[in-house]
Structures are given as structure tokens and as C-alpha cells.
PDB file of N, CA and C in Angstrom:
ATOM      1  N   MET A   1     235.151 362.678 112.155  1.00  0.00           N
ATOM      2  CA  MET A   1     234.257 361.714 112.779  1.00  0.00           C
ATOM      3  C   MET A   1     233.027 361.630 111.914  1.00  0.00           C
ATOM      4  N   GLU A   2     232.612 360.412 111.593  1.00  0.00           N
ATOM      5  CA  GLU A   2     231.423 360.236 110.768  1.00  0.00           C
ATOM      6  C   GLU A   2     230.152 360.539 111.562  1.00  0.00           C
ATOM      7  N   MET A   3     229.132 360.893 110.857  1.00  0.00           N
ATOM      8  CA  MET A   3     227.876 361.262 111.486  1.00  0.00           C
ATOM      9  C   MET A   3     227.315 360.084 112.298  1.00  0.00           C
ATOM     10  N   TRP A   4     227.378 358.890 111.773  1.00  0.00           N
ATOM     11  CA  TRP A   4     226.827 357.729 112.492  1.00  0.00           C
ATOM     12  C   TRP A   4     227.570 357.515 113.797  1.00  0.00           C
ATOM     13  N   GLN A   5     228.871 357.758 113.801  1.00  0.00           N
ATOM     14  CA  GLN A   5     229.651 357.572 115.043  1.00  0.00           C
ATOM     15  C   GLN A   5     229.240 358.632 116.074  1.00  0.00           C
ATOM     16  N   VAL A   6     228.980 359.832 115.658  1.00  0.00           N
ATOM     17  CA  VAL A   6     228.510 360.882 116.551  1.00  0.00           C
ATOM     18  C   VAL A   6     227.163 360.456 117.182  1.00  0.00           C
ATOM     19  N   ILE A   7     226.310 359.940 116.375  1.00  0.00           N
ATOM     20  CA  ILE A   7     224.983 359.461 116.835  1.00  0.00           C
ATOM     21  C   ILE A   7     225.174 358.350 117.854  1.00  0.00           C
ATOM     22  N   GLU A   8     226.019 357.389 117.564  1.00  0.00           N
ATOM     23  CA  GLU A   8     226.240 356.262 118.459  1.00  0.00           C
ATOM     24  C   GLU A   8     226.842 356.727 119.789  1.00  0.00           C
ATOM     25  N   GLU A   9     227.770 357.672 119.767  1.00  0.00           N
ATOM     26  CA  GLU A   9     228.363 358.194 120.984  1.00  0.00           C
ATOM     27  C   GLU A   9     227.346 358.945 121.823  1.00  0.00           C
ATOM     28  N   PHE A  10     226.530 359.721 121.155  1.00  0.00           N
ATOM     29  CA  PHE A  10     225.457 360.455 121.866  1.00  0.00           C
ATOM     30  C   PHE A  10     224.494 359.504 122.527  1.00  0.00           C
ATOM     31  N   ASN A  11     224.101 358.466 121.782  1.00  0.00           N
ATOM     32  CA  ASN A  11     223.192 357.448 122.316  1.00  0.00           C
ATOM     33  C   ASN A  11     223.814 356.761 123.532  1.00  0.00           C
ATOM     34  N   LYS A  12     225.093 356.380 123.458  1.00  0.00           N
ATOM     35  CA  LYS A  12     225.759 355.726 124.575  1.00  0.00           C
ATOM     36  C   LYS A  12     225.796 356.641 125.784  1.00  0.00           C
ATOM     37  N   MET A  13     226.074 357.924 125.551  1.00  0.00           N
ATOM     38  CA  MET A  13     226.113 358.875 126.680  1.00  0.00           C
ATOM     39  C   MET A  13     224.731 358.986 127.321  1.00  0.00           C
ATOM     40  N   MET A  14     223.677 359.026 126.513  1.00  0.00           N
ATOM     41  CA  MET A  14     222.317 359.136 127.035  1.00  0.00           C
ATOM     42  C   MET A  14     221.946 357.882 127.834  1.00  0.00           C
ATOM     43  N   VAL A  15     222.313 356.700 127.321  1.00  0.00           N
ATOM     44  CA  VAL A  15     222.000 355.436 128.008  1.00  0.00           C
ATOM     45  C   VAL A  15     222.780 355.359 129.307  1.00  0.00           C
ATOM     46  N   ASP A  16     224.080 355.616 129.241  1.00  0.00           N
ATOM     47  CA  ASP A  16     224.937 355.519 130.407  1.00  0.00           C
ATOM     48  C   ASP A  16     224.523 356.466 131.534  1.00  0.00           C
ATOM     49  N   SER A  17     224.048 357.635 131.169  1.00  0.00           N
ATOM     50  CA  SER A  17     223.682 358.623 132.193  1.00  0.00           C
ATOM     51  C   SER A  17     222.291 358.403 132.737  1.00  0.00           C
ATOM     52  N   GLY A  18     221.517 357.508 132.081  1.00  0.00           N
ATOM     53  CA  GLY A  18     220.134 357.276 132.508  1.00  0.00           C
ATOM     54  C   GLY A  18     219.144 358.263 131.932  1.00  0.00           C
ATOM     55  N   ARG A  19     219.632 359.229 131.185  1.00  0.00           N
ATOM     56  CA  ARG A  19     218.765 360.282 130.633  1.00  0.00           C
ATOM     57  C   ARG A  19     217.817 359.720 129.572  1.00  0.00           C
ATOM     58  N   LEU A  20     218.275 358.742 128.800  1.00  0.00           N
ATOM     59  CA  LEU A  20     217.410 358.156 127.763  1.00  0.00           C
ATOM     60  C   LEU A  20     216.248 357.469 128.419  1.00  0.00           C
ATOM     61  N   GLU A  21     216.470 356.694 129.427  1.00  0.00           N
ATOM     62  CA  GLU A  21     215.386 355.973 130.136  1.00  0.00           C
ATOM     63  C   GLU A  21     214.411 356.978 130.753  1.00  0.00           C
ATOM     64  N   LYS A  22     214.935 358.007 131.415  1.00  0.00           N
ATOM     65  CA  LYS A  22     214.093 359.026 131.997  1.00  0.00           C
ATOM     66  C   LYS A  22     213.244 359.709 130.944  1.00  0.00           C
ATOM     67  N   ARG A  23     213.871 360.039 129.834  1.00  0.00           N
ATOM     68  CA  ARG A  23     213.128 360.711 128.762  1.00  0.00           C
ATOM     69  C   ARG A  23     212.017 359.817 128.216  1.00  0.00           C
ATOM     70  N   ARG A  24     212.306 358.557 128.024  1.00  0.00           N
ATOM     71  CA  ARG A  24     211.274 357.606 127.525  1.00  0.00           C
ATOM     72  C   ARG A  24     210.130 357.487 128.509  1.00  0.00           C
ATOM     73  N   LYS A  25     210.436 357.426 129.821  1.00  0.00           N
ATOM     74  CA  LYS A  25     209.389 357.375 130.835  1.00  0.00           C
ATOM     75  C   LYS A  25     208.564 358.631 130.816  1.00  0.00           C
ATOM     76  N   ASP A  26     209.201 359.803 130.716  1.00  0.00           N
ATOM     77  CA  ASP A  26     208.491 361.065 130.658  1.00  0.00           C
ATOM     78  C   ASP A  26     207.579 361.134 129.434  1.00  0.00           C
ATOM     79  N   GLN A  27     208.064 360.655 128.306  1.00  0.00           N
ATOM     80  CA  GLN A  27     207.259 360.633 127.084  1.00  0.00           C
ATOM     81  C   GLN A  27     206.055 359.688 127.276  1.00  0.00           C
ATOM     82  N   THR A  28     206.264 358.553 127.900  1.00  0.00           N
ATOM     83  CA  THR A  28     205.175 357.605 128.117  1.00  0.00           C
ATOM     84  C   THR A  28     204.119 358.241 129.025  1.00  0.00           C
ATOM     85  N   LEU A  29     204.548 358.913 130.086  1.00  0.00           N
ATOM     86  CA  LEU A  29     203.600 359.576 130.994  1.00  0.00           C
ATOM     87  C   LEU A  29     202.817 360.690 130.264  1.00  0.00           C
ATOM     88  N   GLU A  30     203.502 361.431 129.426  1.00  0.00           N
ATOM     89  CA  GLU A  30     202.812 362.492 128.637  1.00  0.00           C
ATOM     90  C   GLU A  30     201.785 361.856 127.716  1.00  0.00           C
ATOM     91  N   TRP A  31     202.112 360.738 127.120  1.00  0.00           N
ATOM     92  CA  TRP A  31     201.209 360.058 126.216  1.00  0.00           C
ATOM     93  C   TRP A  31     199.970 359.568 126.980  1.00  0.00           C
ATOM     94  N   VAL A  32     200.183 358.942 128.127  1.00  0.00           N
ATOM     95  CA  VAL A  32     199.069 358.462 128.955  1.00  0.00           C
ATOM     96  C   VAL A  32     198.176 359.636 129.376  1.00  0.00           C
ATOM     97  N   ASN A  33     198.771 360.737 129.827  1.00  0.00           N
ATOM     98  CA  ASN A  33     198.005 361.879 130.246  1.00  0.00           C
ATOM     99  C   ASN A  33     197.192 362.461 129.075  1.00  0.00           C
ATOM    100  N   HIS A  34     197.830 362.533 127.937  1.00  0.00           N
ATOM    101  CA  HIS A  34     197.124 363.042 126.744  1.00  0.00           C
ATOM    102  C   HIS A  34     195.933 362.165 126.362  1.00  0.00           C
ATOM    103  N   MET A  35     196.134 360.852 126.330  1.00  0.00           N
ATOM    104  CA  MET A  35     195.047 359.957 125.993  1.00  0.00           C
ATOM    105  C   MET A  35     193.924 360.052 127.017  1.00  0.00           C
ATOM    106  N   THR A  36     194.285 360.177 128.288  1.00  0.00           N
ATOM    107  CA  THR A  36     193.253 360.268 129.316  1.00  0.00           C
ATOM    108  C   THR A  36     192.483 361.575 129.185  1.00  0.00           C
ATOM    109  N   GLU A  37     193.169 362.671 128.998  1.00  0.00           N
ATOM    110  CA  GLU A  37     192.514 363.975 128.839  1.00  0.00           C
ATOM    111  C   GLU A  37     191.576 363.965 127.612  1.00  0.00           C
ATOM    112  N   GLU A  38     192.038 363.364 126.513  1.00  0.00           N
ATOM    113  CA  GLU A  38     191.218 363.314 125.327  1.00  0.00           C
ATOM    114  C   GLU A  38     189.951 362.471 125.567  1.00  0.00           C
ATOM    115  N   HIS A  39     190.115 361.367 126.270  1.00  0.00           N
ATOM    116  CA  HIS A  39     188.951 360.515 126.542  1.00  0.00           C
ATOM    117  C   HIS A  39     187.938 361.231 127.432  1.00  0.00           C
ATOM    118  N   VAL A  40     188.422 361.909 128.466  1.00  0.00           N
ATOM    119  CA  VAL A  40     187.538 362.633 129.361  1.00  0.00           C
ATOM    120  C   VAL A  40     186.841 363.758 128.592  1.00  0.00           C
ATOM    121  N   HIS A  41     187.580 364.471 127.781  1.00  0.00           N
ATOM    122  CA  HIS A  41     186.991 365.526 126.935  1.00  0.00           C
ATOM    123  C   HIS A  41     185.869 364.958 126.076  1.00  0.00           C
ATOM    124  N   ASN A  42     186.111 363.835 125.470  1.00  0.00           N
ATOM    125  CA  ASN A  42     185.101 363.207 124.609  1.00  0.00           C
ATOM    126  C   ASN A  42     183.894 362.736 125.394  1.00  0.00           C
ATOM    127  N   LEU A  43     184.120 362.179 126.601  1.00  0.00           N
ATOM    128  CA  LEU A  43     183.015 361.790 127.448  1.00  0.00           C
ATOM    129  C   LEU A  43     182.093 362.971 127.764  1.00  0.00           C
ATOM    130  N   VAL A  44     182.724 364.099 128.054  1.00  0.00           N
ATOM    131  CA  VAL A  44     181.948 365.281 128.430  1.00  0.00           C
ATOM    132  C   VAL A  44     181.260 365.912 127.239  1.00  0.00           C
ATOM    133  N   PHE A  45     182.037 366.215 126.203  1.00  0.00           N
ATOM    134  CA  PHE A  45     181.522 367.058 125.116  1.00  0.00           C
ATOM    135  C   PHE A  45     180.812 366.287 124.007  1.00  0.00           C
ATOM    136  N   ASN A  46     180.734 364.965 124.130  1.00  0.00           N
ATOM    137  CA  ASN A  46     179.915 364.182 123.229  1.00  0.00           C
ATOM    138  C   ASN A  46     178.645 363.694 123.909  1.00  0.00           C
ATOM    139  N   ASN A  47     178.472 364.064 125.177  1.00  0.00           N
ATOM    140  CA  ASN A  47     177.296 363.669 125.929  1.00  0.00           C
ATOM    141  C   ASN A  47     176.136 364.595 125.536  1.00  0.00           C
ATOM    142  N   LEU A  48     175.082 363.994 125.030  1.00  0.00           N
ATOM    143  CA  LEU A  48     173.944 364.822 124.526  1.00  0.00           C
ATOM    144  C   LEU A  48     173.341 365.683 125.625  1.00  0.00           C
ATOM    145  N   ASN A  49     173.273 365.195 126.849  1.00  0.00           N
ATOM    146  CA  ASN A  49     172.724 365.964 127.938  1.00  0.00           C
ATOM    147  C   ASN A  49     173.594 367.172 128.280  1.00  0.00           C
ATOM    148  N   VAL A  50     174.896 366.990 128.188  1.00  0.00           N
ATOM    149  CA  VAL A  50     175.831 368.112 128.446  1.00  0.00           C
ATOM    150  C   VAL A  50     175.714 369.119 127.317  1.00  0.00           C
ATOM    151  N   ILE A  51     175.637 368.648 126.100  1.00  0.00           N
ATOM    152  CA  ILE A  51     175.472 369.538 124.958  1.00  0.00           C
ATOM    153  C   ILE A  51     174.220 370.371 125.089  1.00  0.00           C
ATOM    154  N   GLU A  52     173.142 369.705 125.486  1.00  0.00           N
ATOM    155  CA  GLU A  52     171.869 370.425 125.665  1.00  0.00           C
ATOM    156  C   GLU A  52     172.007 371.480 126.777  1.00  0.00           C
ATOM    157  N   ALA A  53     172.635 371.113 127.894  1.00  0.00           N
ATOM    158  CA  ALA A  53     172.853 372.067 128.983  1.00  0.00           C
ATOM    159  C   ALA A  53     173.728 373.239 128.534  1.00  0.00           C
ATOM    160  N   MET A  54     174.734 372.950 127.729  1.00  0.00           N
ATOM    161  CA  MET A  54     175.604 374.022 127.209  1.00  0.00           C
ATOM    162  C   MET A  54     174.819 374.987 126.332  1.00  0.00           C
ATOM    163  N   ASN A  55     173.956 374.419 125.473  1.00  0.00           N
ATOM    164  CA  ASN A  55     173.174 375.265 124.572  1.00  0.00           C
ATOM    165  C   ASN A  55     172.180 376.122 125.387  1.00  0.00           C
ATOM    166  N   GLU A  56     171.566 375.553 126.399  1.00  0.00           N
ATOM    167  CA  GLU A  56     170.617 376.268 127.250  1.00  0.00           C
ATOM    168  C   GLU A  56     171.352 377.351 128.018  1.00  0.00           C
ATOM    169  N   THR A  57     172.511 377.041 128.538  1.00  0.00           N
ATOM    170  CA  THR A  57     173.308 378.008 129.287  1.00  0.00           C
ATOM    171  C   THR A  57     173.721 379.173 128.404  1.00  0.00           C
ATOM    172  N   GLU A  58     174.101 378.886 127.177  1.00  0.00           N
ATOM    173  CA  GLU A  58     174.474 379.931 126.229  1.00  0.00           C
ATOM    174  C   GLU A  58     173.291 380.890 125.978  1.00  0.00           C
ATOM    175  N   LYS A  59     172.094 380.312 125.832  1.00  0.00           N
ATOM    176  CA  LYS A  59     170.895 381.154 125.637  1.00  0.00           C
ATOM    177  C   LYS A  59     170.682 382.049 126.829  1.00  0.00           C
ATOM    178  N   LEU A  60     170.823 381.498 128.043  1.00  0.00           N
ATOM    179  CA  LEU A  60     170.628 382.277 129.250  1.00  0.00           C
ATOM    180  C   LEU A  60     171.671 383.409 129.380  1.00  0.00           C
ATOM    181  N   ILE A  61     172.890 383.103 129.046  1.00  0.00           N
ATOM    182  CA  ILE A  61     173.948 384.116 129.091  1.00  0.00           C
ATOM    183  C   ILE A  61     173.659 385.241 128.082  1.00  0.00           C
ATOM    184  N   ARG A  62     173.295 384.859 126.853  1.00  0.00           N
ATOM    185  CA  ARG A  62     173.025 385.867 125.849  1.00  0.00           C
ATOM    186  C   ARG A  62     171.827 386.741 126.178  1.00  0.00           C
ATOM    187  N   ALA A  63     170.895 386.181 126.960  1.00  0.00           N
ATOM    188  CA  ALA A  63     169.716 386.928 127.367  1.00  0.00           C
ATOM    189  C   ALA A  63     169.932 387.658 128.698  1.00  0.00           C
ATOM    190  N   ASP A  64     171.153 387.642 129.206  1.00  0.00           N
ATOM    191  CA  ASP A  64     171.493 388.245 130.518  1.00  0.00           C
ATOM    192  C   ASP A  64     170.620 387.721 131.640  1.00  0.00           C
ATOM    193  N   GLN A  65     170.336 386.410 131.600  1.00  0.00           N
ATOM    194  CA  GLN A  65     169.481 385.799 132.617  1.00  0.00           C
ATOM    195  C   GLN A  65     170.278 384.977 133.634  1.00  0.00           C
ATOM    196  N   ILE A  66     171.575 384.916 133.469  1.00  0.00           N
ATOM    197  CA  ILE A  66     172.419 384.163 134.358  1.00  0.00           C
ATOM    198  C   ILE A  66     173.826 384.736 134.348  1.00  0.00           C
ATOM    199  N   SER A  67     174.479 384.754 135.513  1.00  0.00           N
ATOM    200  CA  SER A  67     175.877 385.248 135.540  1.00  0.00           C
ATOM    201  C   SER A  67     176.810 384.177 135.050  1.00  0.00           C
ATOM    202  N   ALA A  68     178.009 384.614 134.735  1.00  0.00           N
ATOM    203  CA  ALA A  68     179.031 383.666 134.263  1.00  0.00           C
ATOM    204  C   ALA A  68     179.360 382.646 135.332  1.00  0.00           C
ATOM    205  N   THR A  69     179.424 383.076 136.584  1.00  0.00           N
ATOM    206  CA  THR A  69     179.722 382.175 137.688  1.00  0.00           C
ATOM    207  C   THR A  69     178.624 381.113 137.843  1.00  0.00           C
ATOM    208  N   MET A  70     177.395 381.564 137.785  1.00  0.00           N
ATOM    209  CA  MET A  70     176.288 380.643 137.931  1.00  0.00           C
ATOM    210  C   MET A  70     176.208 379.700 136.728  1.00  0.00           C
ATOM    211  N   ALA A  71     176.473 380.211 135.547  1.00  0.00           N
ATOM    212  CA  ALA A  71     176.451 379.409 134.349  1.00  0.00           C
ATOM    213  C   ALA A  71     177.522 378.298 134.416  1.00  0.00           C
ATOM    214  N   ALA A  72     178.713 378.689 134.815  1.00  0.00           N
ATOM    215  CA  ALA A  72     179.808 377.705 134.929  1.00  0.00           C
ATOM    216  C   ALA A  72     179.460 376.654 135.975  1.00  0.00           C
ATOM    217  N   GLN A  73     178.890 377.069 137.114  1.00  0.00           N
ATOM    218  CA  GLN A  73     178.557 376.103 138.146  1.00  0.00           C
ATOM    219  C   GLN A  73     177.455 375.144 137.671  1.00  0.00           C
ATOM    220  N   LYS A  74     176.491 375.699 136.937  1.00  0.00           N
ATOM    221  CA  LYS A  74     175.410 374.885 136.398  1.00  0.00           C
ATOM    222  C   LYS A  74     175.962 373.796 135.460  1.00  0.00           C
ATOM    223  N   LEU A  75     176.884 374.188 134.606  1.00  0.00           N
ATOM    224  CA  LEU A  75     177.504 373.219 133.671  1.00  0.00           C
ATOM    225  C   LEU A  75     178.370 372.231 134.407  1.00  0.00           C
ATOM    226  N   ILE A  76     179.118 372.677 135.388  1.00  0.00           N
ATOM    227  CA  ILE A  76     179.945 371.744 136.156  1.00  0.00           C
ATOM    228  C   ILE A  76     179.082 370.719 136.866  1.00  0.00           C
ATOM    229  N   ASP A  77     177.972 371.171 137.461  1.00  0.00           N
ATOM    230  CA  ASP A  77     177.047 370.256 138.151  1.00  0.00           C
ATOM    231  C   ASP A  77     176.491 369.234 137.169  1.00  0.00           C
ATOM    232  N   LYS A  78     176.141 369.689 135.978  1.00  0.00           N
ATOM    233  CA  LYS A  78     175.575 368.790 134.943  1.00  0.00           C
ATOM    234  C   LYS A  78     176.615 367.769 134.508  1.00  0.00           C
ATOM    235  N   ILE A  79     177.826 368.243 134.294  1.00  0.00           N
ATOM    236  CA  ILE A  79     178.910 367.338 133.871  1.00  0.00           C
ATOM    237  C   ILE A  79     179.190 366.289 134.936  1.00  0.00           C
ATOM    238  N   GLU A  80     179.299 366.723 136.194  1.00  0.00           N
ATOM    239  CA  GLU A  80     179.548 365.756 137.256  1.00  0.00           C
ATOM    240  C   GLU A  80     178.399 364.775 137.378  1.00  0.00           C
ATOM    241  N   PHE A  81     177.177 365.222 137.244  1.00  0.00           N
ATOM    242  CA  PHE A  81     176.027 364.313 137.278  1.00  0.00           C
ATOM    243  C   PHE A  81     176.106 363.278 136.153  1.00  0.00           C
ATOM    244  N   GLU A  82     176.389 363.733 134.956  1.00  0.00           N
ATOM    245  CA  GLU A  82     176.451 362.846 133.798  1.00  0.00           C
ATOM    246  C   GLU A  82     177.609 361.845 133.920  1.00  0.00           C
ATOM    247  N   LEU A  83     178.710 362.260 134.466  1.00  0.00           N
ATOM    248  CA  LEU A  83     179.899 361.375 134.594  1.00  0.00           C
ATOM    249  C   LEU A  83     179.651 360.280 135.653  1.00  0.00           C
ATOM    250  N   LYS A  84     178.749 360.544 136.574  1.00  0.00           N
ATOM    251  CA  LYS A  84     178.462 359.544 137.615  1.00  0.00           C
ATOM    252  C   LYS A  84     177.512 358.482 137.130  1.00  0.00           C
ATOM    253  N   LYS A  85     176.844 358.731 136.002  1.00  0.00           N
ATOM    254  CA  LYS A  85     175.937 357.724 135.470  1.00  0.00           C
ATOM    255  C   LYS A  85     176.722 356.505 134.917  1.00  0.00           C
ATOM    256  N   PRO A  86     176.152 355.345 135.052  1.00  0.00           N
ATOM    257  CA  PRO A  86     176.830 354.165 134.484  1.00  0.00           C
ATOM    258  C   PRO A  86     176.927 354.288 132.934  1.00  0.00           C
ATOM    259  N   VAL A  87     178.001 353.847 132.377  1.00  0.00           N
ATOM    260  CA  VAL A  87     178.139 353.857 130.920  1.00  0.00           C
ATOM    261  C   VAL A  87     177.319 352.762 130.316  1.00  0.00           C
ATOM    262  N   GLU A  88     176.577 353.123 129.302  1.00  0.00           N
ATOM    263  CA  GLU A  88     175.662 352.151 128.660  1.00  0.00           C
ATOM    264  C   GLU A  88     176.381 351.315 127.659  1.00  0.00           C
TER     265      GLU A  88
END
């Protein structure tokens, strides 16, 4: 059996079983999720106010002036506040 024939038979089997369509849909969903996560990450970590808050929080942690839990909550609050602002 030639290699191309094996490929064609495999493709037919995948199409007939619906597995090819399912796999394509799964890949599309993964792609959408990845693009969305990347955009949200960029919105957060490119925001100058968030960067400033992160730098300040780091200083407080290094100086033992804030607990990890309080630092995380402070940053989460800042991120949520910044994300609620209208995009300019």
C-alpha cells in the first residue's frame, strides 16, 4: 500500500467517524481561548497603573510591610479597577 493511499484512508476514517470535525472544533476553541488569554494578559500587564502597583507591592513585600495575601488582594483590586475603566 502506498503512503498516499494510507493517508487518504486515514482521512476518510476520520471524516466518516466525525473525529476530524470534532478535532477541528477543539483546535478552534483552543485558539480562541489562547488569543483571549493573551489579550487579557496584555491588558493587565501593559497597564502603567498596574505596573506601578506591582512595583510598589514588591517594595512592600521586600520590606516585610505587607503579607502575601494582602499584597495579592491589593493587586487584584487594582487590576479589577483598571479593567473597569473605559478603554481610551
